Amino acid sequence: MTKAVPILETRRLLLRPLELADADAVQALFPRWEIVRFLNDRIPWPYPADGALTFIRDLALPAVAAGEAWHWSIRPRGEPGRLIGCINLSLGEEDNRGFWLDPAWQGQGLMSEAAEMVTDFWFGELGQETLRIPKAIANEASRRISMRSGMRVIATGESNYVGGRLPSETWELTREEWRARRR
């Protein structure tokens, strides 16, 4: 059963379904080395001038329509017109959640807040059993978010990122573990 991408709200954030109209805002923020260096190497680098439009139009929205992914723009609740990042969920065995945030907004716990909300959607609304996320070991900020949410490392190796081939980890959380933490 396909679940639509709902609007989600946290104490400080509004997560709105990503749409084609967001392409200009994404394009203005996303192509920065501090954002992309630890992301999967499928992301073209240098980032093309139409990269955000192409991604949203040709990859994100078709995956949403097929019921295979859920993509949100991240916005401050007090400034709903201001896109500051994106977060997504994807079906599959090994890479179920991804995100990025404008560096000017990092270090405030906002991504932890967004990740908690979409993780709750993953297990509650989508009924998934397991959430898995690969990441570069050097991506300390992302690792802290996984640790705080109760995830654990289940595999290590190397993977290709925009920043090159790097040591990586796969983190996992089960629905039962998530529910136990939420109690």
N, C-alpha and C. Protein backbone atom coordinates (compact mmCIF):
# COMPACT_ATOMS: atom_id res chain seq x y z
N MET A 1 0.84 -1.18 0.00
CA MET A 1 0.00 0.00 0.00
C MET A 1 0.89 1.25 0.00
N THR A 2 0.62 2.15 -0.89
CA THR A 2 1.38 3.38 -1.00
C THR A 2 0.89 4.38 0.03
N LYS A 3 1.81 4.94 0.79
CA LYS A 3 1.48 5.98 1.76
C LYS A 3 1.94 7.31 1.20
N ALA A 4 1.05 8.28 1.19
CA ALA A 4 1.40 9.63 0.73
C ALA A 4 2.42 10.23 1.69
N VAL A 5 3.14 11.22 1.22
CA VAL A 5 4.09 11.93 2.06
C VAL A 5 3.30 13.00 2.83
N PRO A 6 3.15 12.81 4.13
CA PRO A 6 2.38 13.77 4.92
C PRO A 6 3.24 14.95 5.36
N ILE A 7 2.60 16.01 5.76
CA ILE A 7 3.30 17.09 6.45
C ILE A 7 3.53 16.61 7.88
N LEU A 8 4.77 16.74 8.35
CA LEU A 8 5.11 16.34 9.71
C LEU A 8 5.59 17.57 10.46
N GLU A 9 5.28 17.64 11.74
CA GLU A 9 5.71 18.78 12.55
C GLU A 9 6.40 18.30 13.80
N THR A 10 7.47 18.98 14.16
CA THR A 10 8.15 18.76 15.43
C THR A 10 8.00 20.05 16.23
N ARG A 11 8.63 20.10 17.37
CA ARG A 11 8.55 21.29 18.20
C ARG A 11 9.05 22.52 17.45
N ARG A 12 10.13 22.35 16.65
CA ARG A 12 10.75 23.49 15.98
C ARG A 12 10.72 23.44 14.46
N LEU A 13 10.28 22.32 13.90
CA LEU A 13 10.39 22.13 12.45
C LEU A 13 9.07 21.78 11.79
N LEU A 14 9.01 22.12 10.52
CA LEU A 14 7.93 21.72 9.63
C LEU A 14 8.59 20.90 8.52
N LEU A 15 8.15 19.66 8.37
CA LEU A 15 8.64 18.80 7.29
C LEU A 15 7.53 18.71 6.26
N ARG A 16 7.78 19.32 5.11
CA ARG A 16 6.78 19.35 4.03
C ARG A 16 7.23 18.43 2.91
N PRO A 17 6.27 17.79 2.23
CA PRO A 17 6.65 16.95 1.10
C PRO A 17 7.49 17.76 0.10
N LEU A 18 8.60 17.18 -0.33
CA LEU A 18 9.45 17.83 -1.31
C LEU A 18 8.67 17.97 -2.62
N GLU A 19 8.80 19.12 -3.26
CA GLU A 19 8.09 19.35 -4.52
C GLU A 19 9.02 20.06 -5.50
N LEU A 20 8.61 20.04 -6.74
CA LEU A 20 9.41 20.65 -7.81
C LEU A 20 9.71 22.12 -7.52
N ALA A 21 8.78 22.81 -6.89
CA ALA A 21 8.98 24.23 -6.56
C ALA A 21 10.12 24.45 -5.57
N ASP A 22 10.60 23.39 -4.91
CA ASP A 22 11.72 23.50 -3.97
C ASP A 22 13.09 23.47 -4.65
N ALA A 23 13.12 23.21 -5.94
CA ALA A 23 14.40 23.00 -6.64
C ALA A 23 15.34 24.20 -6.50
N ASP A 24 14.84 25.40 -6.66
CA ASP A 24 15.73 26.58 -6.56
C ASP A 24 16.34 26.71 -5.17
N ALA A 25 15.55 26.49 -4.13
CA ALA A 25 16.07 26.59 -2.76
C ALA A 25 17.09 25.50 -2.48
N VAL A 26 16.82 24.28 -2.95
CA VAL A 26 17.78 23.18 -2.78
C VAL A 26 19.06 23.51 -3.53
N GLN A 27 18.93 23.97 -4.76
CA GLN A 27 20.10 24.29 -5.57
C GLN A 27 20.96 25.38 -4.92
N ALA A 28 20.34 26.32 -4.24
CA ALA A 28 21.08 27.40 -3.59
C ALA A 28 21.86 26.92 -2.36
N LEU A 29 21.36 25.90 -1.68
CA LEU A 29 21.99 25.44 -0.44
C LEU A 29 22.85 24.20 -0.56
N PHE A 30 22.41 23.24 -1.36
CA PHE A 30 22.99 21.89 -1.34
C PHE A 30 24.42 21.77 -1.85
N PRO A 31 24.79 22.38 -2.96
CA PRO A 31 26.12 22.10 -3.52
C PRO A 31 27.26 22.76 -2.75
N ARG A 32 27.48 22.28 -1.54
CA ARG A 32 28.57 22.76 -0.69
C ARG A 32 29.34 21.54 -0.20
N TRP A 33 30.64 21.66 -0.23
CA TRP A 33 31.48 20.53 0.14
C TRP A 33 31.14 20.00 1.54
N GLU A 34 30.89 20.87 2.50
CA GLU A 34 30.60 20.42 3.86
C GLU A 34 29.28 19.65 3.94
N ILE A 35 28.40 19.78 2.96
CA ILE A 35 27.16 19.01 2.91
C ILE A 35 27.37 17.70 2.16
N VAL A 36 28.04 17.75 1.03
CA VAL A 36 28.07 16.58 0.14
C VAL A 36 29.21 15.60 0.37
N ARG A 37 30.27 15.99 1.02
CA ARG A 37 31.47 15.13 1.05
C ARG A 37 31.24 13.74 1.61
N PHE A 38 30.29 13.58 2.55
CA PHE A 38 30.03 12.25 3.11
C PHE A 38 28.78 11.60 2.53
N LEU A 39 28.25 12.16 1.46
CA LEU A 39 27.08 11.57 0.81
C LEU A 39 27.54 10.59 -0.27
N ASN A 40 26.64 9.68 -0.64
CA ASN A 40 26.93 8.65 -1.63
C ASN A 40 27.45 9.26 -2.93
N ASP A 41 28.38 8.59 -3.55
CA ASP A 41 29.02 9.13 -4.76
C ASP A 41 28.11 9.12 -5.99
N ARG A 42 26.86 8.70 -5.85
CA ARG A 42 25.91 8.85 -6.98
C ARG A 42 25.57 10.30 -7.21
N ILE A 43 25.83 11.13 -6.20
CA ILE A 43 25.59 12.57 -6.34
C ILE A 43 26.69 13.14 -7.23
N PRO A 44 26.32 13.80 -8.33
CA PRO A 44 27.36 14.34 -9.21
C PRO A 44 28.11 15.48 -8.53
N TRP A 45 29.43 15.48 -8.74
CA TRP A 45 30.25 16.55 -8.18
C TRP A 45 31.35 16.87 -9.15
N PRO A 46 31.57 18.11 -9.52
CA PRO A 46 30.82 19.29 -9.07
C PRO A 46 29.33 19.16 -9.42
N TYR A 47 28.52 19.74 -8.55
CA TYR A 47 27.08 19.64 -8.70
C TYR A 47 26.63 20.51 -9.87
N PRO A 48 25.89 19.93 -10.81
CA PRO A 48 25.48 20.72 -11.98
C PRO A 48 24.45 21.79 -11.64
N ALA A 49 24.37 22.79 -12.48
CA ALA A 49 23.46 23.93 -12.27
C ALA A 49 22.00 23.50 -12.20
N ASP A 50 21.66 22.37 -12.83
CA ASP A 50 20.29 21.86 -12.78
C ASP A 50 20.19 20.61 -11.90
N GLY A 51 21.15 20.41 -11.02
CA GLY A 51 21.21 19.20 -10.20
C GLY A 51 19.99 18.99 -9.32
N ALA A 52 19.54 20.02 -8.64
CA ALA A 52 18.39 19.88 -7.75
C ALA A 52 17.12 19.61 -8.54
N LEU A 53 16.91 20.36 -9.62
CA LEU A 53 15.74 20.14 -10.47
C LEU A 53 15.74 18.71 -11.02
N THR A 54 16.87 18.27 -11.53
CA THR A 54 16.97 16.92 -12.09
C THR A 54 16.70 15.87 -11.02
N PHE A 55 17.28 16.04 -9.83
CA PHE A 55 17.07 15.08 -8.75
C PHE A 55 15.60 15.01 -8.35
N ILE A 56 15.00 16.16 -8.09
CA ILE A 56 13.61 16.16 -7.64
C ILE A 56 12.68 15.62 -8.72
N ARG A 57 12.84 16.11 -9.95
CA ARG A 57 11.95 15.74 -11.05
C ARG A 57 12.13 14.29 -11.49
N ASP A 58 13.39 13.85 -11.63
CA ASP A 58 13.65 12.55 -12.26
C ASP A 58 13.88 11.40 -11.29
N LEU A 59 14.20 11.71 -10.03
CA LEU A 59 14.48 10.64 -9.06
C LEU A 59 13.52 10.66 -7.87
N ALA A 60 13.49 11.78 -7.14
CA ALA A 60 12.71 11.82 -5.90
C ALA A 60 11.21 11.67 -6.16
N LEU A 61 10.64 12.51 -7.00
CA LEU A 61 9.19 12.47 -7.20
C LEU A 61 8.70 11.16 -7.84
N PRO A 62 9.42 10.60 -8.82
CA PRO A 62 8.99 9.28 -9.33
C PRO A 62 9.06 8.18 -8.27
N ALA A 63 10.06 8.21 -7.38
CA ALA A 63 10.15 7.21 -6.32
C ALA A 63 8.99 7.37 -5.32
N VAL A 64 8.62 8.62 -5.05
CA VAL A 64 7.47 8.88 -4.18
C VAL A 64 6.20 8.35 -4.85
N ALA A 65 6.02 8.65 -6.12
CA ALA A 65 4.82 8.20 -6.84
C ALA A 65 4.73 6.68 -6.88
N ALA A 66 5.87 6.01 -6.92
CA ALA A 66 5.90 4.55 -6.96
C ALA A 66 5.74 3.93 -5.57
N GLY A 67 5.68 4.75 -4.52
CA GLY A 67 5.55 4.23 -3.17
C GLY A 67 6.83 3.62 -2.64
N GLU A 68 7.98 4.05 -3.20
CA GLU A 68 9.28 3.49 -2.80
C GLU A 68 10.09 4.44 -1.92
N ALA A 69 9.66 5.70 -1.84
CA ALA A 69 10.41 6.71 -1.07
C ALA A 69 9.48 7.80 -0.59
N TRP A 70 9.95 8.51 0.44
CA TRP A 70 9.23 9.63 1.03
C TRP A 70 10.27 10.72 1.23
N HIS A 71 10.06 11.88 0.64
CA HIS A 71 11.01 13.00 0.69
C HIS A 71 10.34 14.23 1.29
N TRP A 72 11.06 14.86 2.22
CA TRP A 72 10.55 16.08 2.85
C TRP A 72 11.58 17.20 2.74
N SER A 73 11.08 18.42 2.64
CA SER A 73 11.93 19.60 2.86
C SER A 73 11.83 19.90 4.35
N ILE A 74 12.92 20.41 4.91
CA ILE A 74 12.97 20.76 6.33
C ILE A 74 12.91 22.28 6.42
N ARG A 75 11.99 22.79 7.26
CA ARG A 75 11.77 24.23 7.38
C ARG A 75 11.58 24.59 8.85
N PRO A 76 12.07 25.75 9.27
CA PRO A 76 11.77 26.19 10.64
C PRO A 76 10.27 26.47 10.76
N ARG A 77 9.66 26.06 11.84
CA ARG A 77 8.21 26.29 12.02
C ARG A 77 7.88 27.77 11.95
N GLY A 78 8.78 28.61 12.45
CA GLY A 78 8.53 30.04 12.44
C GLY A 78 8.76 30.70 11.09
N GLU A 79 9.39 29.97 10.16
CA GLU A 79 9.66 30.48 8.80
C GLU A 79 9.33 29.39 7.78
N PRO A 80 8.06 29.03 7.61
CA PRO A 80 7.71 27.90 6.75
C PRO A 80 8.08 28.09 5.28
N GLY A 81 8.39 29.30 4.86
CA GLY A 81 8.81 29.53 3.48
C GLY A 81 10.30 29.31 3.27
N ARG A 82 11.04 29.01 4.33
CA ARG A 82 12.49 28.89 4.25
C ARG A 82 12.94 27.43 4.33
N LEU A 83 13.43 26.90 3.24
CA LEU A 83 13.95 25.54 3.20
C LEU A 83 15.38 25.56 3.75
N ILE A 84 15.66 24.68 4.74
CA ILE A 84 17.00 24.62 5.34
C ILE A 84 17.65 23.24 5.19
N GLY A 85 16.94 22.29 4.59
CA GLY A 85 17.50 20.96 4.40
C GLY A 85 16.45 20.02 3.86
N CYS A 86 16.85 18.77 3.76
CA CYS A 86 15.94 17.72 3.28
C CYS A 86 16.21 16.44 4.05
N ILE A 87 15.19 15.60 4.13
CA ILE A 87 15.31 14.29 4.75
C ILE A 87 14.43 13.34 3.97
N ASN A 88 14.85 12.09 3.85
CA ASN A 88 14.06 11.13 3.09
C ASN A 88 14.13 9.74 3.68
N LEU A 89 13.16 8.94 3.33
CA LEU A 89 13.11 7.52 3.64
C LEU A 89 12.98 6.77 2.33
N SER A 90 13.62 5.60 2.25
CA SER A 90 13.56 4.78 1.03
C SER A 90 13.44 3.32 1.41
N LEU A 91 12.59 2.61 0.70
CA LEU A 91 12.50 1.17 0.88
C LEU A 91 13.77 0.52 0.37
N GLY A 92 14.08 -0.64 0.88
CA GLY A 92 15.27 -1.38 0.45
C GLY A 92 15.92 -2.01 1.66
N GLU A 93 16.95 -2.79 1.40
CA GLU A 93 17.60 -3.54 2.47
C GLU A 93 18.63 -2.74 3.26
N GLU A 94 19.33 -1.80 2.62
CA GLU A 94 20.53 -1.25 3.25
C GLU A 94 20.60 0.26 3.42
N ASP A 95 19.74 1.04 2.81
CA ASP A 95 19.89 2.50 2.86
C ASP A 95 18.51 3.14 2.95
N ASN A 96 18.00 3.26 4.18
CA ASN A 96 16.61 3.65 4.35
C ASN A 96 16.37 5.11 4.71
N ARG A 97 17.40 5.83 5.17
CA ARG A 97 17.18 7.23 5.54
C ARG A 97 18.40 8.05 5.16
N GLY A 98 18.13 9.24 4.63
CA GLY A 98 19.21 10.16 4.31
C GLY A 98 18.78 11.57 4.62
N PHE A 99 19.76 12.46 4.83
CA PHE A 99 19.41 13.84 5.14
C PHE A 99 20.60 14.75 4.91
N TRP A 100 20.28 16.04 4.83
CA TRP A 100 21.29 17.09 4.82
C TRP A 100 20.67 18.36 5.39
N LEU A 101 21.52 19.21 5.95
CA LEU A 101 21.05 20.43 6.57
C LEU A 101 22.03 21.55 6.27
N ASP A 102 21.51 22.72 5.97
CA ASP A 102 22.33 23.92 5.77
C ASP A 102 23.26 24.07 6.97
N PRO A 103 24.57 24.19 6.74
CA PRO A 103 25.52 24.31 7.86
C PRO A 103 25.19 25.44 8.83
N ALA A 104 24.55 26.50 8.36
CA ALA A 104 24.17 27.61 9.25
C ALA A 104 23.16 27.17 10.31
N TRP A 105 22.47 26.06 10.08
CA TRP A 105 21.44 25.57 10.99
C TRP A 105 21.89 24.34 11.77
N GLN A 106 23.10 23.87 11.54
CA GLN A 106 23.60 22.68 12.23
C GLN A 106 23.99 23.01 13.67
N GLY A 107 24.14 21.96 14.47
CA GLY A 107 24.59 22.11 15.84
C GLY A 107 23.51 22.54 16.83
N GLN A 108 22.24 22.48 16.41
CA GLN A 108 21.13 22.89 17.28
C GLN A 108 20.20 21.73 17.61
N GLY A 109 20.54 20.53 17.14
CA GLY A 109 19.68 19.38 17.38
C GLY A 109 18.50 19.28 16.42
N LEU A 110 18.48 20.12 15.40
CA LEU A 110 17.35 20.11 14.46
C LEU A 110 17.28 18.82 13.66
N MET A 111 18.42 18.31 13.20
CA MET A 111 18.38 17.08 12.41
C MET A 111 17.99 15.89 13.28
N SER A 112 18.40 15.88 14.52
CA SER A 112 17.94 14.81 15.42
C SER A 112 16.42 14.84 15.54
N GLU A 113 15.87 16.02 15.64
CA GLU A 113 14.42 16.21 15.74
C GLU A 113 13.72 15.70 14.48
N ALA A 114 14.24 16.07 13.32
CA ALA A 114 13.66 15.63 12.04
C ALA A 114 13.81 14.12 11.88
N ALA A 115 14.99 13.59 12.22
CA ALA A 115 15.23 12.15 12.08
C ALA A 115 14.30 11.35 12.98
N GLU A 116 14.07 11.84 14.19
CA GLU A 116 13.16 11.15 15.10
C GLU A 116 11.75 11.10 14.51
N MET A 117 11.30 12.20 13.93
CA MET A 117 9.95 12.26 13.37
C MET A 117 9.80 11.29 12.20
N VAL A 118 10.77 11.27 11.27
CA VAL A 118 10.62 10.38 10.11
C VAL A 118 10.86 8.92 10.50
N THR A 119 11.67 8.68 11.51
CA THR A 119 11.86 7.31 12.00
C THR A 119 10.56 6.79 12.59
N ASP A 120 9.86 7.64 13.31
CA ASP A 120 8.56 7.26 13.85
C ASP A 120 7.58 6.94 12.72
N PHE A 121 7.61 7.73 11.65
CA PHE A 121 6.78 7.48 10.47
C PHE A 121 7.16 6.13 9.84
N TRP A 122 8.46 5.85 9.73
CA TRP A 122 8.98 4.61 9.14
C TRP A 122 8.41 3.38 9.85
N PHE A 123 8.50 3.40 11.16
CA PHE A 123 8.05 2.23 11.92
C PHE A 123 6.54 2.25 12.16
N GLY A 124 5.97 3.41 12.46
CA GLY A 124 4.55 3.48 12.79
C GLY A 124 3.64 3.45 11.59
N GLU A 125 3.80 4.42 10.70
CA GLU A 125 2.90 4.53 9.54
C GLU A 125 3.23 3.53 8.43
N LEU A 126 4.50 3.32 8.19
CA LEU A 126 4.89 2.42 7.10
C LEU A 126 5.01 0.97 7.55
N GLY A 127 5.07 0.76 8.86
CA GLY A 127 5.11 -0.61 9.39
C GLY A 127 6.37 -1.37 9.06
N GLN A 128 7.47 -0.67 8.86
CA GLN A 128 8.73 -1.35 8.52
C GLN A 128 9.32 -2.01 9.77
N GLU A 129 10.04 -3.08 9.56
CA GLU A 129 10.63 -3.84 10.66
C GLU A 129 12.01 -3.32 11.06
N THR A 130 12.79 -2.85 10.07
CA THR A 130 14.18 -2.48 10.33
C THR A 130 14.53 -1.21 9.56
N LEU A 131 15.30 -0.35 10.19
CA LEU A 131 15.85 0.86 9.56
C LEU A 131 17.36 0.68 9.50
N ARG A 132 17.93 0.78 8.30
CA ARG A 132 19.38 0.66 8.14
C ARG A 132 19.90 1.89 7.41
N ILE A 133 21.07 2.34 7.88
CA ILE A 133 21.68 3.55 7.32
C ILE A 133 23.18 3.36 7.21
N PRO A 134 23.72 3.39 5.99
CA PRO A 134 25.18 3.38 5.85
C PRO A 134 25.71 4.81 5.98
N LYS A 135 26.91 4.93 6.53
CA LYS A 135 27.50 6.26 6.64
C LYS A 135 29.01 6.15 6.78
N ALA A 136 29.67 7.22 6.38
CA ALA A 136 31.12 7.31 6.54
C ALA A 136 31.43 7.43 8.02
N ILE A 137 32.42 6.68 8.49
CA ILE A 137 32.82 6.76 9.89
C ILE A 137 33.25 8.18 10.24
N ALA A 138 33.84 8.88 9.29
CA ALA A 138 34.30 10.25 9.54
C ALA A 138 33.15 11.25 9.71
N ASN A 139 31.94 10.85 9.39
CA ASN A 139 30.78 11.74 9.51
C ASN A 139 30.27 11.70 10.96
N GLU A 140 31.02 12.35 11.83
CA GLU A 140 30.74 12.32 13.26
C GLU A 140 29.35 12.84 13.62
N ALA A 141 28.92 13.91 12.99
CA ALA A 141 27.61 14.48 13.32
C ALA A 141 26.50 13.48 13.02
N SER A 142 26.57 12.82 11.88
CA SER A 142 25.56 11.83 11.52
C SER A 142 25.62 10.61 12.45
N ARG A 143 26.82 10.21 12.81
CA ARG A 143 26.98 9.09 13.74
C ARG A 143 26.35 9.42 15.10
N ARG A 144 26.50 10.66 15.57
CA ARG A 144 25.90 11.05 16.86
C ARG A 144 24.38 10.96 16.80
N ILE A 145 23.80 11.35 15.67
CA ILE A 145 22.34 11.25 15.52
C ILE A 145 21.92 9.79 15.62
N SER A 146 22.65 8.90 14.97
CA SER A 146 22.32 7.47 15.04
C SER A 146 22.47 6.94 16.46
N MET A 147 23.54 7.31 17.13
CA MET A 147 23.75 6.86 18.52
C MET A 147 22.62 7.33 19.42
N ARG A 148 22.26 8.60 19.31
CA ARG A 148 21.21 9.16 20.18
C ARG A 148 19.86 8.49 19.93
N SER A 149 19.65 7.99 18.73
CA SER A 149 18.36 7.36 18.44
C SER A 149 18.35 5.87 18.76
N GLY A 150 19.44 5.37 19.34
CA GLY A 150 19.47 3.97 19.75
C GLY A 150 19.93 2.99 18.70
N MET A 151 20.45 3.48 17.60
CA MET A 151 20.93 2.59 16.54
C MET A 151 22.25 1.95 16.95
N ARG A 152 22.59 0.85 16.30
CA ARG A 152 23.85 0.17 16.55
C ARG A 152 24.51 -0.20 15.23
N VAL A 153 25.83 -0.30 15.26
CA VAL A 153 26.59 -0.67 14.06
C VAL A 153 26.47 -2.18 13.87
N ILE A 154 26.11 -2.58 12.64
CA ILE A 154 26.00 -4.01 12.34
C ILE A 154 27.01 -4.48 11.30
N ALA A 155 27.67 -3.53 10.63
CA ALA A 155 28.66 -3.90 9.62
C ALA A 155 29.62 -2.74 9.40
N THR A 156 30.84 -3.07 9.02
CA THR A 156 31.83 -2.06 8.66
C THR A 156 32.46 -2.46 7.34
N GLY A 157 33.05 -1.50 6.67
CA GLY A 157 33.69 -1.75 5.38
C GLY A 157 34.16 -0.44 4.80
N GLU A 158 34.17 -0.36 3.50
CA GLU A 158 34.49 0.87 2.79
C GLU A 158 33.41 1.12 1.75
N SER A 159 33.12 2.39 1.52
CA SER A 159 32.13 2.76 0.52
C SER A 159 32.61 4.01 -0.21
N ASN A 160 32.00 4.24 -1.37
CA ASN A 160 32.34 5.40 -2.18
C ASN A 160 31.41 6.56 -1.85
N TYR A 161 32.03 7.68 -1.52
CA TYR A 161 31.33 8.91 -1.19
C TYR A 161 31.79 10.00 -2.14
N VAL A 162 31.10 11.13 -2.15
CA VAL A 162 31.54 12.25 -2.98
C VAL A 162 33.00 12.58 -2.63
N GLY A 163 33.36 12.48 -1.36
CA GLY A 163 34.71 12.77 -0.90
C GLY A 163 35.71 11.66 -1.11
N GLY A 164 35.32 10.58 -1.78
CA GLY A 164 36.24 9.48 -2.06
C GLY A 164 35.83 8.19 -1.36
N ARG A 165 36.70 7.19 -1.46
CA ARG A 165 36.46 5.89 -0.81
C ARG A 165 36.87 6.02 0.66
N LEU A 166 35.91 5.74 1.56
CA LEU A 166 36.13 5.97 2.98
C LEU A 166 35.65 4.78 3.81
N PRO A 167 36.27 4.58 4.98
CA PRO A 167 35.73 3.58 5.91
C PRO A 167 34.28 3.92 6.24
N SER A 168 33.44 2.90 6.30
CA SER A 168 32.02 3.14 6.52
C SER A 168 31.44 2.13 7.49
N GLU A 169 30.26 2.47 7.97
CA GLU A 169 29.52 1.61 8.89
C GLU A 169 28.08 1.54 8.40
N THR A 170 27.42 0.44 8.72
CA THR A 170 25.98 0.34 8.53
C THR A 170 25.37 0.29 9.92
N TRP A 171 24.44 1.20 10.16
CA TRP A 171 23.74 1.30 11.43
C TRP A 171 22.35 0.71 11.28
N GLU A 172 21.83 0.14 12.36
CA GLU A 172 20.52 -0.51 12.30
C GLU A 172 19.72 -0.22 13.57
N LEU A 173 18.41 -0.17 13.38
CA LEU A 173 17.45 -0.05 14.46
C LEU A 173 16.22 -0.87 14.08
N THR A 174 15.71 -1.68 15.00
CA THR A 174 14.50 -2.45 14.72
C THR A 174 13.28 -1.72 15.27
N ARG A 175 12.13 -2.10 14.78
CA ARG A 175 10.89 -1.50 15.25
C ARG A 175 10.71 -1.74 16.75
N GLU A 176 11.05 -2.94 17.20
CA GLU A 176 10.91 -3.26 18.63
C GLU A 176 11.83 -2.37 19.47
N GLU A 177 13.07 -2.17 19.01
CA GLU A 177 14.00 -1.30 19.72
C GLU A 177 13.47 0.14 19.76
N TRP A 178 12.93 0.60 18.65
CA TRP A 178 12.38 1.95 18.58
C TRP A 178 11.21 2.10 19.55
N ARG A 179 10.31 1.13 19.52
CA ARG A 179 9.14 1.20 20.42
C ARG A 179 9.57 1.19 21.89
N ALA A 180 10.57 0.38 22.21
CA ALA A 180 11.04 0.31 23.61
C ALA A 180 11.61 1.65 24.04
N ARG A 181 12.31 2.34 23.15
CA ARG A 181 12.87 3.66 23.46
C ARG A 181 11.77 4.71 23.61
N ARG A 182 10.69 4.55 22.90
CA ARG A 182 9.61 5.54 22.90
C ARG A 182 8.73 5.42 24.14
N ARG A 183 8.79 4.28 24.81
CA ARG A 183 7.95 4.07 26.01
C ARG A 183 8.43 4.90 27.16
